[in-house]
């Protein structure tokens, strides 16, 4: 169901665009990668406070100072779940692509290449 999948990537990239502005890094980076059959959307922004990780996909949860309504990640999770897919926030340092936020999408039926 592309109509449900496309908005997931738009939301994740838009969130990364917002947060990389907060980085002190000279280069602001947003990456989409496929590793072990999982899709990573990562950036070198400030990342997510460990205390907030459990709330990320809760409706109306937002840390944005401006423009955040707290529905984007909630809808990402719901849209993916309709087709049996899932999304999570990667907290393990050794699994992260970049030092900031790292969201991982697991598409049902996709095998490791």
PDB file of N, CA and C in Angstrom:
ATOM      1  N   UNK A   1       0.829  -1.181   0.000  1.00  0.00           N
ATOM      2  CA  UNK A   1       0.000   0.000   0.000  1.00  0.00           C
ATOM      3  C   UNK A   1       0.877   1.248   0.000  1.00  0.00           C
ATOM      4  N   UNK A   2       1.335   1.658  -1.166  1.00  0.00           N
ATOM      5  CA  UNK A   2       2.224   2.821  -1.266  1.00  0.00           C
ATOM      6  C   UNK A   2       1.650   4.091  -0.639  1.00  0.00           C
ATOM      7  N   UNK A   3       0.326   4.253  -0.687  1.00  0.00           N
ATOM      8  CA  UNK A   3      -0.283   5.459  -0.119  1.00  0.00           C
ATOM      9  C   UNK A   3      -0.064   5.542   1.384  1.00  0.00           C
ATOM     10  N   UNK A   4       0.195   4.420   2.031  1.00  0.00           N
ATOM     11  CA  UNK A   4       0.471   4.421   3.470  1.00  0.00           C
ATOM     12  C   UNK A   4       1.976   4.467   3.755  1.00  0.00           C
ATOM     13  N   UNK A   5       2.788   3.978   2.832  1.00  0.00           N
ATOM     14  CA  UNK A   5       4.234   3.898   3.051  1.00  0.00           C
ATOM     15  C   UNK A   5       4.930   5.222   2.758  1.00  0.00           C
ATOM     16  N   UNK A   6       4.573   5.849   1.662  1.00  0.00           N
ATOM     17  CA  UNK A   6       5.213   7.107   1.255  1.00  0.00           C
ATOM     18  C   UNK A   6       5.195   8.158   2.369  1.00  0.00           C
ATOM     19  N   UNK A   7       4.056   8.404   3.035  1.00  0.00           N
ATOM     20  CA  UNK A   7       4.041   9.410   4.106  1.00  0.00           C
ATOM     21  C   UNK A   7       4.974   9.080   5.271  1.00  0.00           C
ATOM     22  N   UNK A   8       5.261   7.802   5.473  1.00  0.00           N
ATOM     23  CA  UNK A   8       6.185   7.411   6.538  1.00  0.00           C
ATOM     24  C   UNK A   8       7.563   8.009   6.266  1.00  0.00           C
ATOM     25  N   UNK A   9       8.052   7.834   5.044  1.00  0.00           N
ATOM     26  CA  UNK A   9       9.372   8.361   4.701  1.00  0.00           C
ATOM     27  C   UNK A   9       9.379   9.888   4.692  1.00  0.00           C
ATOM     28  N   UNK A  10       8.312  10.491   4.204  1.00  0.00           N
ATOM     29  CA  UNK A  10       8.220  11.960   4.206  1.00  0.00           C
ATOM     30  C   UNK A  10       8.312  12.479   5.632  1.00  0.00           C
ATOM     31  N   UNK A  11       7.579  11.868   6.554  1.00  0.00           N
ATOM     32  CA  UNK A  11       7.602  12.313   7.944  1.00  0.00           C
ATOM     33  C   UNK A  11       8.981  12.134   8.573  1.00  0.00           C
ATOM     34  N   UNK A  12       9.593  10.982   8.361  1.00  0.00           N
ATOM     35  CA  UNK A  12      10.910  10.735   8.956  1.00  0.00           C
ATOM     36  C   UNK A  12      11.960  11.709   8.428  1.00  0.00           C
ATOM     37  N   UNK A  13      11.959  11.951   7.134  1.00  0.00           N
ATOM     38  CA  UNK A  13      12.929  12.892   6.556  1.00  0.00           C
ATOM     39  C   UNK A  13      12.636  14.314   7.026  1.00  0.00           C
ATOM     40  N   UNK A  14      11.375  14.703   7.083  1.00  0.00           N
ATOM     41  CA  UNK A  14      11.036  16.042   7.580  1.00  0.00           C
ATOM     42  C   UNK A  14      11.447  16.216   9.037  1.00  0.00           C
ATOM     43  N   UNK A  15      11.255  15.186   9.852  1.00  0.00           N
ATOM     44  CA  UNK A  15      11.713  15.258  11.242  1.00  0.00           C
ATOM     45  C   UNK A  15      13.229  15.432  11.293  1.00  0.00           C
ATOM     46  N   UNK A  16      13.937  14.666  10.481  1.00  0.00           N
ATOM     47  CA  UNK A  16      15.399  14.795  10.448  1.00  0.00           C
ATOM     48  C   UNK A  16      15.816  16.188  10.011  1.00  0.00           C
ATOM     49  N   UNK A  17      15.145  16.732   9.014  1.00  0.00           N
ATOM     50  CA  UNK A  17      15.460  18.096   8.542  1.00  0.00           C
ATOM     51  C   UNK A  17      15.302  19.098   9.682  1.00  0.00           C
ATOM     52  N   UNK A  18      14.252  18.952  10.453  1.00  0.00           N
ATOM     53  CA  UNK A  18      14.014  19.850  11.583  1.00  0.00           C
ATOM     54  C   UNK A  18      15.152  19.735  12.603  1.00  0.00           C
ATOM     55  N   UNK A  19      15.493  18.507  12.983  1.00  0.00           N
ATOM     56  CA  UNK A  19      16.442  18.304  14.071  1.00  0.00           C
ATOM     57  C   UNK A  19      17.903  18.506  13.675  1.00  0.00           C
ATOM     58  N   UNK A  20      18.284  18.274  12.426  1.00  0.00           N
ATOM     59  CA  UNK A  20      19.692  18.500  12.071  1.00  0.00           C
ATOM     60  C   UNK A  20      20.050  19.979  12.143  1.00  0.00           C
ATOM     61  N   UNK A  21      19.060  20.841  12.088  1.00  0.00           N
ATOM     62  CA  UNK A  21      19.334  22.274  12.263  1.00  0.00           C
ATOM     63  C   UNK A  21      19.870  22.563  13.659  1.00  0.00           C
ATOM     64  N   UNK A  22      19.610  21.660  14.593  1.00  0.00           N
ATOM     65  CA  UNK A  22      20.035  21.837  15.983  1.00  0.00           C
ATOM     66  C   UNK A  22      21.452  21.318  16.242  1.00  0.00           C
ATOM     67  N   UNK A  23      22.069  20.703  15.253  1.00  0.00           N
ATOM     68  CA  UNK A  23      23.394  20.129  15.465  1.00  0.00           C
ATOM     69  C   UNK A  23      24.476  21.199  15.376  1.00  0.00           C
ATOM     70  N   UNK A  24      25.558  20.941  16.067  1.00  0.00           N
ATOM     71  CA  UNK A  24      26.712  21.840  15.996  1.00  0.00           C
ATOM     72  C   UNK A  24      27.694  21.366  14.919  1.00  0.00           C
ATOM     73  N   UNK A  25      27.372  20.252  14.299  1.00  0.00           N
ATOM     74  CA  UNK A  25      28.225  19.712  13.241  1.00  0.00           C
ATOM     75  C   UNK A  25      28.250  20.661  12.049  1.00  0.00           C
ATOM     76  N   UNK A  26      29.399  20.740  11.402  1.00  0.00           N
ATOM     77  CA  UNK A  26      29.517  21.585  10.211  1.00  0.00           C
ATOM     78  C   UNK A  26      28.659  21.040   9.072  1.00  0.00           C
ATOM     79  N   UNK A  27      28.671  19.723   8.910  1.00  0.00           N
ATOM     80  CA  UNK A  27      27.855  19.077   7.868  1.00  0.00           C
ATOM     81  C   UNK A  27      26.614  18.471   8.506  1.00  0.00           C
ATOM     82  N   UNK A  28      25.476  18.786   7.942  1.00  0.00           N
ATOM     83  CA  UNK A  28      24.217  18.203   8.411  1.00  0.00           C
ATOM     84  C   UNK A  28      23.873  17.044   7.475  1.00  0.00           C
ATOM     85  N   UNK A  29      23.671  15.868   8.056  1.00  0.00           N
ATOM     86  CA  UNK A  29      23.521  14.660   7.246  1.00  0.00           C
ATOM     87  C   UNK A  29      22.211  13.944   7.577  1.00  0.00           C
ATOM     88  N   UNK A  30      21.517  13.522   6.527  1.00  0.00           N
ATOM     89  CA  UNK A  30      20.356  12.638   6.634  1.00  0.00           C
ATOM     90  C   UNK A  30      20.614  11.483   5.671  1.00  0.00           C
ATOM     91  N   UNK A  31      20.494  10.245   6.172  1.00  0.00           N
ATOM     92  CA  UNK A  31      20.784   9.076   5.328  1.00  0.00           C
ATOM     93  C   UNK A  31      19.633   8.091   5.349  1.00  0.00           C
ATOM     94  N   UNK A  32      19.418   7.468   4.211  1.00  0.00           N
ATOM     95  CA  UNK A  32      18.526   6.317   4.100  1.00  0.00           C
ATOM     96  C   UNK A  32      19.398   5.149   3.679  1.00  0.00           C
ATOM     97  N   UNK A  33      19.379   4.093   4.454  1.00  0.00           N
ATOM     98  CA  UNK A  33      20.226   2.931   4.196  1.00  0.00           C
ATOM     99  C   UNK A  33      19.420   1.648   4.334  1.00  0.00           C
ATOM    100  N   UNK A  34      19.863   0.608   3.656  1.00  0.00           N
ATOM    101  CA  UNK A  34      19.297  -0.726   3.835  1.00  0.00           C
ATOM    102  C   UNK A  34      20.416  -1.612   4.366  1.00  0.00           C
ATOM    103  N   UNK A  35      20.183  -2.203   5.527  1.00  0.00           N
ATOM    104  CA  UNK A  35      21.166  -3.083   6.162  1.00  0.00           C
ATOM    105  C   UNK A  35      20.443  -4.295   6.717  1.00  0.00           C
ATOM    106  N   UNK A  36      20.889  -5.466   6.368  1.00  0.00           N
ATOM    107  CA  UNK A  36      20.299  -6.705   6.890  1.00  0.00           C
ATOM    108  C   UNK A  36      18.789  -6.749   6.691  1.00  0.00           C
ATOM    109  N   UNK A  37      18.316  -6.239   5.568  1.00  0.00           N
ATOM    110  CA  UNK A  37      16.896  -6.270   5.263  1.00  0.00           C
ATOM    111  C   UNK A  37      16.061  -5.232   5.986  1.00  0.00           C
ATOM    112  N   UNK A  38      16.712  -4.337   6.723  1.00  0.00           N
ATOM    113  CA  UNK A  38      16.011  -3.268   7.445  1.00  0.00           C
ATOM    114  C   UNK A  38      16.332  -1.932   6.793  1.00  0.00           C
ATOM    115  N   UNK A  39      15.379  -1.014   6.817  1.00  0.00           N
ATOM    116  CA  UNK A  39      15.598   0.320   6.257  1.00  0.00           C
ATOM    117  C   UNK A  39      15.833   1.291   7.404  1.00  0.00           C
ATOM    118  N   UNK A  40      16.961   1.991   7.332  1.00  0.00           N
ATOM    119  CA  UNK A  40      17.331   2.972   8.349  1.00  0.00           C
ATOM    120  C   UNK A  40      17.150   4.380   7.797  1.00  0.00           C
ATOM    121  N   UNK A  41      16.538   5.237   8.596  1.00  0.00           N
ATOM    122  CA  UNK A  41      16.508   6.673   8.318  1.00  0.00           C
ATOM    123  C   UNK A  41      17.231   7.302   9.496  1.00  0.00           C
ATOM    124  N   UNK A  42      18.410   7.862   9.227  1.00  0.00           N
ATOM    125  CA  UNK A  42      19.247   8.371  10.312  1.00  0.00           C
ATOM    126  C   UNK A  42      19.759   9.764   9.993  1.00  0.00           C
ATOM    127  N   UNK A  43      20.174  10.463  11.056  1.00  0.00           N
ATOM    128  CA  UNK A  43      20.711  11.811  10.880  1.00  0.00           C
ATOM    129  C   UNK A  43      21.777  12.078  11.931  1.00  0.00           C
ATOM    130  N   UNK A  44      22.460  13.213  11.785  1.00  0.00           N
ATOM    131  CA  UNK A  44      23.481  13.576  12.769  1.00  0.00           C
ATOM    132  C   UNK A  44      23.015  14.747  13.634  1.00  0.00           C
ATOM    133  N   UNK A  45      21.711  14.826  13.855  1.00  0.00           N
ATOM    134  CA  UNK A  45      21.156  15.825  14.772  1.00  0.00           C
ATOM    135  C   UNK A  45      21.401  15.407  16.215  1.00  0.00           C
ATOM    136  N   UNK A  46      20.674  16.002  17.159  1.00  0.00           N
ATOM    137  CA  UNK A  46      20.897  15.717  18.575  1.00  0.00           C
ATOM    138  C   UNK A  46      20.401  14.347  19.030  1.00  0.00           C
ATOM    139  N   UNK A  47      19.612  13.660  18.215  1.00  0.00           N
ATOM    140  CA  UNK A  47      19.081  12.362  18.622  1.00  0.00           C
ATOM    141  C   UNK A  47      17.939  12.517  19.607  1.00  0.00           C
ATOM    142  N   UNK A  48      17.521  11.407  20.170  1.00  0.00           N
ATOM    143  CA  UNK A  48      16.390  11.379  21.098  1.00  0.00           C
ATOM    144  C   UNK A  48      16.914  11.107  22.497  1.00  0.00           C
ATOM    145  N   UNK A  49      16.447  11.889  23.454  1.00  0.00           N
ATOM    146  CA  UNK A  49      16.799  11.675  24.854  1.00  0.00           C
ATOM    147  C   UNK A  49      16.342  10.266  25.249  1.00  0.00           C
ATOM    148  N   UNK A  50      17.204   9.490  25.906  1.00  0.00           N
ATOM    149  CA  UNK A  50      16.818   8.128  26.295  1.00  0.00           C
ATOM    150  C   UNK A  50      15.509   8.069  27.092  1.00  0.00           C
ATOM    151  N   UNK A  51      15.219   9.097  27.867  1.00  0.00           N
ATOM    152  CA  UNK A  51      13.977   9.128  28.641  1.00  0.00           C
ATOM    153  C   UNK A  51      12.739   9.265  27.757  1.00  0.00           C
ATOM    154  N   UNK A  52      12.918   9.720  26.518  1.00  0.00           N
ATOM    155  CA  UNK A  52      11.784   9.958  25.617  1.00  0.00           C
ATOM    156  C   UNK A  52      11.518   8.824  24.634  1.00  0.00           C
ATOM    157  N   UNK A  53      12.424   7.875  24.532  1.00  0.00           N
ATOM    158  CA  UNK A  53      12.309   6.828  23.512  1.00  0.00           C
ATOM    159  C   UNK A  53      10.990   6.063  23.634  1.00  0.00           C
ATOM    160  N   UNK A  54      10.573   5.743  24.843  1.00  0.00           N
ATOM    161  CA  UNK A  54       9.348   4.951  25.018  1.00  0.00           C
ATOM    162  C   UNK A  54       8.090   5.710  24.608  1.00  0.00           C
ATOM    163  N   UNK A  55       8.169   7.029  24.498  1.00  0.00           N
ATOM    164  CA  UNK A  55       7.008   7.853  24.147  1.00  0.00           C
ATOM    165  C   UNK A  55       6.974   8.254  22.674  1.00  0.00           C
ATOM    166  N   UNK A  56       8.019   7.965  21.924  1.00  0.00           N
ATOM    167  CA  UNK A  56       8.154   8.481  20.558  1.00  0.00           C
ATOM    168  C   UNK A  56       6.950   8.237  19.662  1.00  0.00           C
ATOM    169  N   UNK A  57       6.348   7.077  19.759  1.00  0.00           N
ATOM    170  CA  UNK A  57       5.256   6.715  18.853  1.00  0.00           C
ATOM    171  C   UNK A  57       3.880   6.904  19.499  1.00  0.00           C
ATOM    172  N   UNK A  58       3.852   7.651  20.608  1.00  0.00           N
ATOM    173  CA  UNK A  58       2.603   7.962  21.300  1.00  0.00           C
ATOM    174  C   UNK A  58       1.991   9.216  20.690  1.00  0.00           C
ATOM    175  N   UNK A  59       0.692   9.182  20.459  1.00  0.00           N
ATOM    176  CA  UNK A  59       0.035  10.332  19.848  1.00  0.00           C
ATOM    177  C   UNK A  59       0.157  11.560  20.761  1.00  0.00           C
ATOM    178  N   UNK A  60       0.395  12.698  20.145  1.00  0.00           N
ATOM    179  CA  UNK A  60       0.547  14.020  20.767  1.00  0.00           C
ATOM    180  C   UNK A  60       1.858  14.198  21.534  1.00  0.00           C
ATOM    181  N   UNK A  61       2.810  13.272  21.376  1.00  0.00           N
ATOM    182  CA  UNK A  61       4.127  13.462  21.996  1.00  0.00           C
ATOM    183  C   UNK A  61       5.034  14.186  21.010  1.00  0.00           C
ATOM    184  N   UNK A  62       5.598  15.313  21.445  1.00  0.00           N
ATOM    185  CA  UNK A  62       6.528  16.070  20.600  1.00  0.00           C
ATOM    186  C   UNK A  62       7.489  16.856  21.473  1.00  0.00           C
ATOM    187  N   UNK A  63       8.708  16.973  21.025  1.00  0.00           N
ATOM    188  CA  UNK A  63       9.721  17.802  21.678  1.00  0.00           C
ATOM    189  C   UNK A  63      10.060  19.027  20.844  1.00  0.00           C
ATOM    190  N   UNK A  64       9.392  19.181  19.709  1.00  0.00           N
ATOM    191  CA  UNK A  64       9.670  20.321  18.833  1.00  0.00           C
ATOM    192  C   UNK A  64       9.202  21.614  19.489  1.00  0.00           C
ATOM    193  N   UNK A  65      10.050  22.635  19.398  1.00  0.00           N
ATOM    194  CA  UNK A  65       9.709  23.944  19.951  1.00  0.00           C
ATOM    195  C   UNK A  65       8.674  24.659  19.095  1.00  0.00           C
ATOM    196  N   UNK A  66       8.647  24.324  17.804  1.00  0.00           N
ATOM    197  CA  UNK A  66       7.693  24.966  16.898  1.00  0.00           C
ATOM    198  C   UNK A  66       7.228  23.949  15.859  1.00  0.00           C
ATOM    199  N   UNK A  67       5.959  23.997  15.541  1.00  0.00           N
ATOM    200  CA  UNK A  67       5.431  23.181  14.459  1.00  0.00           C
ATOM    201  C   UNK A  67       5.187  21.715  14.761  1.00  0.00           C
ATOM    202  N   UNK A  68       5.391  21.273  15.979  1.00  0.00           N
ATOM    203  CA  UNK A  68       5.192  19.864  16.297  1.00  0.00           C
ATOM    204  C   UNK A  68       3.834  19.615  16.930  1.00  0.00           C
ATOM    205  N   UNK A  69       3.080  18.688  16.344  1.00  0.00           N
ATOM    206  CA  UNK A  69       1.771  18.342  16.901  1.00  0.00           C
ATOM    207  C   UNK A  69       1.786  16.975  17.570  1.00  0.00           C
ATOM    208  N   UNK A  70       2.842  16.217  17.337  1.00  0.00           N
ATOM    209  CA  UNK A  70       2.936  14.914  17.978  1.00  0.00           C
ATOM    210  C   UNK A  70       2.091  13.827  17.343  1.00  0.00           C
ATOM    211  N   UNK A  71       1.839  13.946  16.050  1.00  0.00           N
ATOM    212  CA  UNK A  71       1.061  12.901  15.375  1.00  0.00           C
ATOM    213  C   UNK A  71       1.868  12.163  14.305  1.00  0.00           C
ATOM    214  N   UNK A  72       2.965  12.721  13.850  1.00  0.00           N
ATOM    215  CA  UNK A  72       3.720  12.150  12.737  1.00  0.00           C
ATOM    216  C   UNK A  72       4.237  10.747  12.988  1.00  0.00           C
ATOM    217  N   UNK A  73       4.976  10.548  14.065  1.00  0.00           N
ATOM    218  CA  UNK A  73       5.535   9.221  14.338  1.00  0.00           C
ATOM    219  C   UNK A  73       4.442   8.224  14.709  1.00  0.00           C
ATOM    220  N   UNK A  74       3.418   8.709  15.387  1.00  0.00           N
ATOM    221  CA  UNK A  74       2.272   7.850  15.698  1.00  0.00           C
ATOM    222  C   UNK A  74       1.661   7.313  14.401  1.00  0.00           C
ATOM    223  N   UNK A  75       1.427   8.205  13.431  1.00  0.00           N
ATOM    224  CA  UNK A  75       0.844   7.786  12.153  1.00  0.00           C
ATOM    225  C   UNK A  75       1.793   6.890  11.362  1.00  0.00           C
ATOM    226  N   UNK A  76       3.100   7.143  11.461  1.00  0.00           N
ATOM    227  CA  UNK A  76       4.076   6.261  10.808  1.00  0.00           C
ATOM    228  C   UNK A  76       3.881   4.829  11.295  1.00  0.00           C
ATOM    229  N   UNK A  77       3.836   4.673  12.600  1.00  0.00           N
ATOM    230  CA  UNK A  77       3.696   3.339  13.176  1.00  0.00           C
ATOM    231  C   UNK A  77       2.372   2.698  12.767  1.00  0.00           C
ATOM    232  N   UNK A  78       1.296   3.466  12.815  1.00  0.00           N
ATOM    233  CA  UNK A  78      -0.023   2.937  12.456  1.00  0.00           C
ATOM    234  C   UNK A  78      -0.089   2.552  10.977  1.00  0.00           C
ATOM    235  N   UNK A  79       0.425   3.410  10.108  1.00  0.00           N
ATOM    236  CA  UNK A  79       0.398   3.124   8.670  1.00  0.00           C
ATOM    237  C   UNK A  79       1.184   1.865   8.328  1.00  0.00           C
ATOM    238  N   UNK A  80       2.314   1.682   8.973  1.00  0.00           N
ATOM    239  CA  UNK A  80       3.113   0.481   8.726  1.00  0.00           C
ATOM    240  C   UNK A  80       2.424  -0.767   9.283  1.00  0.00           C
ATOM    241  N   UNK A  81       1.838  -0.629  10.458  1.00  0.00           N
ATOM    242  CA  UNK A  81       1.218  -1.776  11.126  1.00  0.00           C
ATOM    243  C   UNK A  81       0.052  -2.357  10.331  1.00  0.00           C
ATOM    244  N   UNK A  82      -0.652  -1.521   9.588  1.00  0.00           N
ATOM    245  CA  UNK A  82      -1.791  -1.988   8.787  1.00  0.00           C
ATOM    246  C   UNK A  82      -1.383  -3.119   7.850  1.00  0.00           C
ATOM    247  N   UNK A  83      -0.166  -3.057   7.340  1.00  0.00           N
ATOM    248  CA  UNK A  83       0.322  -4.087   6.412  1.00  0.00           C
ATOM    249  C   UNK A  83       1.269  -5.082   7.084  1.00  0.00           C
ATOM    250  N   UNK A  84       1.344  -5.040   8.412  1.00  0.00           N
ATOM    251  CA  UNK A  84       2.189  -5.980   9.135  1.00  0.00           C
ATOM    252  C   UNK A  84       3.641  -5.562   9.253  1.00  0.00           C
ATOM    253  N   UNK A  85       3.958  -4.317   8.885  1.00  0.00           N
ATOM    254  CA  UNK A  85       5.322  -3.803   8.985  1.00  0.00           C
ATOM    255  C   UNK A  85       5.507  -3.124  10.345  1.00  0.00           C
ATOM    256  N   UNK A  86       6.741  -2.788  10.684  1.00  0.00           N
ATOM    257  CA  UNK A  86       6.992  -2.147  11.976  1.00  0.00           C
ATOM    258  C   UNK A  86       8.099  -1.102  11.865  1.00  0.00           C
ATOM    259  N   UNK A  87       8.145  -0.250  12.876  1.00  0.00           N
ATOM    260  CA  UNK A  87       9.173   0.788  12.964  1.00  0.00           C
ATOM    261  C   UNK A  87       9.617   0.879  14.419  1.00  0.00           C
ATOM    262  N   UNK A  88      10.896   1.126  14.623  1.00  0.00           N
ATOM    263  CA  UNK A  88      11.385   1.349  15.981  1.00  0.00           C
ATOM    264  C   UNK A  88      12.543   2.334  15.944  1.00  0.00           C
ATOM    265  N   UNK A  89      12.868   2.863  17.116  1.00  0.00           N
ATOM    266  CA  UNK A  89      13.998   3.773  17.262  1.00  0.00           C
ATOM    267  C   UNK A  89      15.179   2.954  17.759  1.00  0.00           C
ATOM    268  N   UNK A  90      16.286   3.007  17.033  1.00  0.00           N
ATOM    269  CA  UNK A  90      17.480   2.231  17.391  1.00  0.00           C
ATOM    270  C   UNK A  90      18.246   2.937  18.505  1.00  0.00           C
ATOM    271  N   UNK A  91      18.402   2.265  19.632  1.00  0.00           N
ATOM    272  CA  UNK A  91      19.126   2.838  20.767  1.00  0.00           C
ATOM    273  C   UNK A  91      20.527   2.250  20.927  1.00  0.00           C
ATOM    274  N   UNK A  92      20.786   1.124  20.283  1.00  0.00           N
ATOM    275  CA  UNK A  92      22.089   0.471  20.444  1.00  0.00           C
ATOM    276  C   UNK A  92      23.136   1.198  19.603  1.00  0.00           C
ATOM    277  N   UNK A  93      24.136   1.725  20.267  1.00  0.00           N
ATOM    278  CA  UNK A  93      25.174   2.516  19.612  1.00  0.00           C
ATOM    279  C   UNK A  93      25.813   1.767  18.453  1.00  0.00           C
ATOM    280  N   UNK A  94      26.087   0.487  18.632  1.00  0.00           N
ATOM    281  CA  UNK A  94      26.779  -0.282  17.592  1.00  0.00           C
ATOM    282  C   UNK A  94      25.909  -0.521  16.355  1.00  0.00           C
ATOM    283  N   UNK A  95      24.615  -0.324  16.460  1.00  0.00           N
ATOM    284  CA  UNK A  95      23.702  -0.523  15.331  1.00  0.00           C
ATOM    285  C   UNK A  95      23.345   0.781  14.621  1.00  0.00           C
ATOM    286  N   UNK A  96      23.715   1.914  15.214  1.00  0.00           N
ATOM    287  CA  UNK A  96      23.365   3.204  14.628  1.00  0.00           C
ATOM    288  C   UNK A  96      24.216   3.500  13.392  1.00  0.00           C
ATOM    289  N   UNK A  97      23.601   4.138  12.408  1.00  0.00           N
ATOM    290  CA  UNK A  97      24.306   4.549  11.197  1.00  0.00           C
ATOM    291  C   UNK A  97      25.011   5.879  11.442  1.00  0.00           C
ATOM    292  N   UNK A  98      24.293   6.831  12.019  1.00  0.00           N
ATOM    293  CA  UNK A  98      24.845   8.141  12.383  1.00  0.00           C
ATOM    294  C   UNK A  98      24.608   8.372  13.871  1.00  0.00           C
ATOM    295  N   UNK A  99      25.245   9.390  14.430  1.00  0.00           N
ATOM    296  CA  UNK A  99      25.186   9.623  15.869  1.00  0.00           C
ATOM    297  C   UNK A  99      23.878  10.217  16.376  1.00  0.00           C
ATOM    298  N   UNK A 100      23.023  10.706  15.489  1.00  0.00           N
ATOM    299  CA  UNK A 100      21.762  11.319  15.917  1.00  0.00           C
ATOM    300  C   UNK A 100      20.641  10.296  15.987  1.00  0.00           C
ATOM    301  N   UNK A 101      19.486  10.675  15.461  1.00  0.00           N
ATOM    302  CA  UNK A 101      18.323   9.784  15.454  1.00  0.00           C
ATOM    303  C   UNK A 101      18.498   8.689  14.405  1.00  0.00           C
ATOM    304  N   UNK A 102      18.068   7.494  14.751  1.00  0.00           N
ATOM    305  CA  UNK A 102      18.122   6.346  13.843  1.00  0.00           C
ATOM    306  C   UNK A 102      16.807   5.579  13.955  1.00  0.00           C
ATOM    307  N   UNK A 103      15.947   5.739  12.962  1.00  0.00           N
ATOM    308  CA  UNK A 103      14.684   5.013  12.917  1.00  0.00           C
ATOM    309  C   UNK A 103      14.846   3.841  11.961  1.00  0.00           C
ATOM    310  N   UNK A 104      14.263   2.710  12.333  1.00  0.00           N
ATOM    311  CA  UNK A 104      14.432   1.482  11.564  1.00  0.00           C
ATOM    312  C   UNK A 104      13.058   0.935  11.188  1.00  0.00           C
ATOM    313  N   UNK A 105      12.894   0.661   9.897  1.00  0.00           N
ATOM    314  CA  UNK A 105      11.648   0.098   9.386  1.00  0.00           C
ATOM    315  C   UNK A 105      11.907  -1.347   8.986  1.00  0.00           C
ATOM    316  N   UNK A 106      11.032  -2.219   9.455  1.00  0.00           N
ATOM    317  CA  UNK A 106      11.107  -3.638   9.132  1.00  0.00           C
ATOM    318  C   UNK A 106       9.880  -3.985   8.292  1.00  0.00           C
ATOM    319  N   UNK A 107      10.099  -4.211   6.997  1.00  0.00           N
ATOM    320  CA  UNK A 107       9.006  -4.585   6.106  1.00  0.00           C
ATOM    321  C   UNK A 107       8.790  -6.092   6.168  1.00  0.00           C
ATOM    322  N   UNK A 108       7.588  -6.488   6.509  1.00  0.00           N
ATOM    323  CA  UNK A 108       7.224  -7.902   6.575  1.00  0.00           C
ATOM    324  C   UNK A 108       7.497  -8.554   5.218  1.00  0.00           C
ATOM    325  N   UNK A 109       8.149  -9.694   5.250  1.00  0.00           N
ATOM    326  CA  UNK A 109       8.393 -10.424   4.014  1.00  0.00           C
ATOM    327  C   UNK A 109       9.710 -10.102   3.338  1.00  0.00           C
ATOM    328  N   UNK A 110      10.432  -9.096   3.816  1.00  0.00           N
ATOM    329  CA  UNK A 110      11.739  -8.753   3.245  1.00  0.00           C
ATOM    330  C   UNK A 110      12.796  -9.583   3.964  1.00  0.00           C
ATOM    331  N   UNK A 111      13.561 -10.312   3.216  1.00  0.00           N
ATOM    332  CA  UNK A 111      14.617 -11.161   3.780  1.00  0.00           C
ATOM    333  C   UNK A 111      15.967 -10.474   3.646  1.00  0.00           C
ATOM    334  N   UNK A 112      16.893 -10.865   4.511  1.00  0.00           N
ATOM    335  CA  UNK A 112      18.259 -10.345   4.413  1.00  0.00           C
ATOM    336  C   UNK A 112      18.852 -10.717   3.064  1.00  0.00           C
ATOM    337  N   UNK A 113      19.538  -9.743   2.458  1.00  0.00           N
ATOM    338  CA  UNK A 113      20.142  -9.993   1.143  1.00  0.00           C
ATOM    339  C   UNK A 113      21.480 -10.666   1.286  1.00  0.00           C
TER     340      UNK A 113
END
